Amino acid sequence: MARNPIAAYLAKVPAGQRALLEKLRKTIRAEVPQAEECISYNIPAFRLEGRIVAGFAARGSGGSYYPFSGRTLATLAKEVAEFQRTKSALHFDAPLPAALVRKLLKARIAEG
């Protein structure tokens, strides 16, 4: 039986970062349990109804959250103001609050 692609990715990540990313994975799974776990652009991602709605990757000593949209982070600019970010990624060194992850997912899914 083939390993889950996200589990295979996380197995290669240092323990501290792995725990951080596993927590994010669990939060995403709780919010969109019907999403398919996959790898997109070489990072763990979640596909819902044929499109990627979230992804994450190890970065430095922390991680990055990818909404796979150039609009999501701009839409939630106030909510993500405390984090380092680019147009397409939110960087974190501590667990992202579950409420923020829910908002990110809802905003991304609403974009259609």
Protein backbone atom coordinates (compact mmCIF):
# COMPACT_ATOMS: atom_id res chain seq x y z
CA MET A 1 0.00 0.00 0.00
CA ALA A 2 1.38 3.41 -0.96
CA ARG A 3 2.06 5.89 1.80
CA ASN A 4 0.01 9.01 2.05
CA PRO A 5 1.95 11.72 0.15
CA ILE A 6 1.76 14.19 3.04
CA ALA A 7 2.92 11.58 5.54
CA ALA A 8 5.87 10.80 3.26
CA TYR A 9 6.74 14.52 3.06
CA LEU A 10 6.48 15.00 6.83
CA ALA A 11 8.65 11.97 7.53
CA LYS A 12 11.56 13.90 6.00
CA VAL A 13 11.00 17.06 8.08
CA PRO A 14 12.89 17.63 11.38
CA ALA A 15 10.83 16.71 14.47
CA GLY A 16 10.12 20.26 15.70
CA GLN A 17 8.87 21.44 12.34
CA ARG A 18 7.02 18.16 11.79
CA ALA A 19 4.97 18.73 14.97
CA LEU A 20 4.14 22.27 13.83
CA LEU A 21 3.06 21.10 10.38
CA GLU A 22 1.15 18.08 11.73
CA LYS A 23 -0.91 20.44 13.89
CA LEU A 24 -1.70 22.56 10.82
CA ARG A 25 -2.57 19.44 8.82
CA LYS A 26 -4.96 18.31 11.56
CA THR A 27 -6.63 21.73 11.64
CA ILE A 28 -7.09 21.75 7.86
CA ARG A 29 -8.46 18.18 7.90
CA ALA A 30 -10.96 19.16 10.61
CA GLU A 31 -12.21 22.12 8.56
CA VAL A 32 -12.34 20.38 5.16
CA PRO A 33 -12.47 16.64 5.90
CA GLN A 34 -13.65 15.90 2.36
CA ALA A 35 -10.47 17.40 0.84
CA GLU A 36 -8.02 15.04 -0.82
CA GLU A 37 -4.44 15.17 0.43
CA CYS A 38 -1.93 15.47 -2.38
CA ILE A 39 1.36 17.04 -3.40
CA SER A 40 1.22 20.13 -5.61
CA TYR A 41 4.29 22.11 -6.65
CA ASN A 42 6.28 19.72 -4.42
CA ILE A 43 4.44 20.70 -1.24
CA PRO A 44 1.67 19.03 0.77
CA ALA A 45 -1.69 20.32 -0.38
CA PHE A 46 -5.42 19.77 -0.06
CA ARG A 47 -7.65 19.46 -3.14
CA LEU A 48 -11.36 20.19 -2.82
CA GLU A 49 -13.70 19.72 -5.76
CA GLY A 50 -10.81 19.65 -8.20
CA ARG A 51 -8.86 22.67 -6.98
CA ILE A 52 -6.16 23.18 -4.40
CA VAL A 53 -7.43 25.19 -1.42
CA ALA A 54 -4.46 25.00 0.97
CA GLY A 55 -0.92 23.79 1.29
CA PHE A 56 2.03 24.00 3.62
CA ALA A 57 5.76 23.47 3.68
CA ALA A 58 8.69 23.45 6.06
CA ARG A 59 10.67 26.70 6.04
CA GLY A 60 13.66 27.67 8.16
CA SER A 61 12.72 26.67 11.68
CA GLY A 62 8.99 26.98 11.02
CA GLY A 63 6.60 26.63 8.15
CA SER A 64 4.64 28.36 5.43
CA TYR A 65 0.92 28.21 4.69
CA TYR A 66 -0.10 28.52 1.04
CA PRO A 67 -3.70 29.36 0.12
CA PHE A 68 -2.91 28.71 -3.57
CA SER A 69 -4.42 32.06 -4.45
CA GLY A 70 -2.96 35.51 -4.78
CA ARG A 71 -6.11 37.05 -3.27
CA THR A 72 -6.70 35.17 -0.01
CA LEU A 73 -3.97 36.78 2.09
CA ALA A 74 -4.88 40.24 0.77
CA THR A 75 -8.53 39.61 1.65
CA LEU A 76 -7.53 38.76 5.23
CA ALA A 77 -4.77 41.38 5.52
CA LYS A 78 -5.83 42.53 8.99
CA GLU A 79 -6.05 38.97 10.32
CA VAL A 80 -2.57 38.04 9.04
CA ALA A 81 -0.84 41.37 9.74
CA GLU A 82 1.27 39.94 12.58
CA PHE A 83 2.85 37.31 10.33
CA GLN A 84 5.62 37.58 7.77
CA ARG A 85 4.15 36.92 4.36
CA THR A 86 4.45 37.21 0.66
CA LYS A 87 1.60 37.56 -1.84
CA SER A 88 1.22 33.79 -1.85
CA ALA A 89 2.50 32.51 1.52
CA LEU A 90 2.07 33.10 5.23
CA HIS A 91 5.18 32.25 7.29
CA PHE A 92 5.01 31.06 10.89
CA ASP A 93 7.27 29.75 13.65
CA ALA A 94 4.50 28.85 16.11
CA PRO A 95 1.22 27.01 15.45
CA LEU A 96 -1.27 29.04 13.44
CA PRO A 97 -4.45 29.62 15.46
CA ALA A 98 -7.23 27.26 14.36
CA ALA A 99 -9.62 30.22 13.98
CA LEU A 100 -7.22 31.86 11.52
CA VAL A 101 -6.84 28.66 9.51
CA ARG A 102 -10.64 28.38 9.33
CA LYS A 103 -10.87 31.97 8.03
CA LEU A 104 -8.13 31.33 5.46
CA LEU A 105 -9.87 28.19 4.20
CA LYS A 106 -13.31 29.83 4.09
CA ALA A 107 -11.93 32.83 2.19
CA ARG A 108 -10.11 30.60 -0.29
CA ILE A 109 -13.10 28.32 -0.86
CA ALA A 110 -15.39 31.34 -1.34
CA GLU A 111 -13.11 32.59 -4.14
CA GLY A 112 -14.38 29.76 -6.28
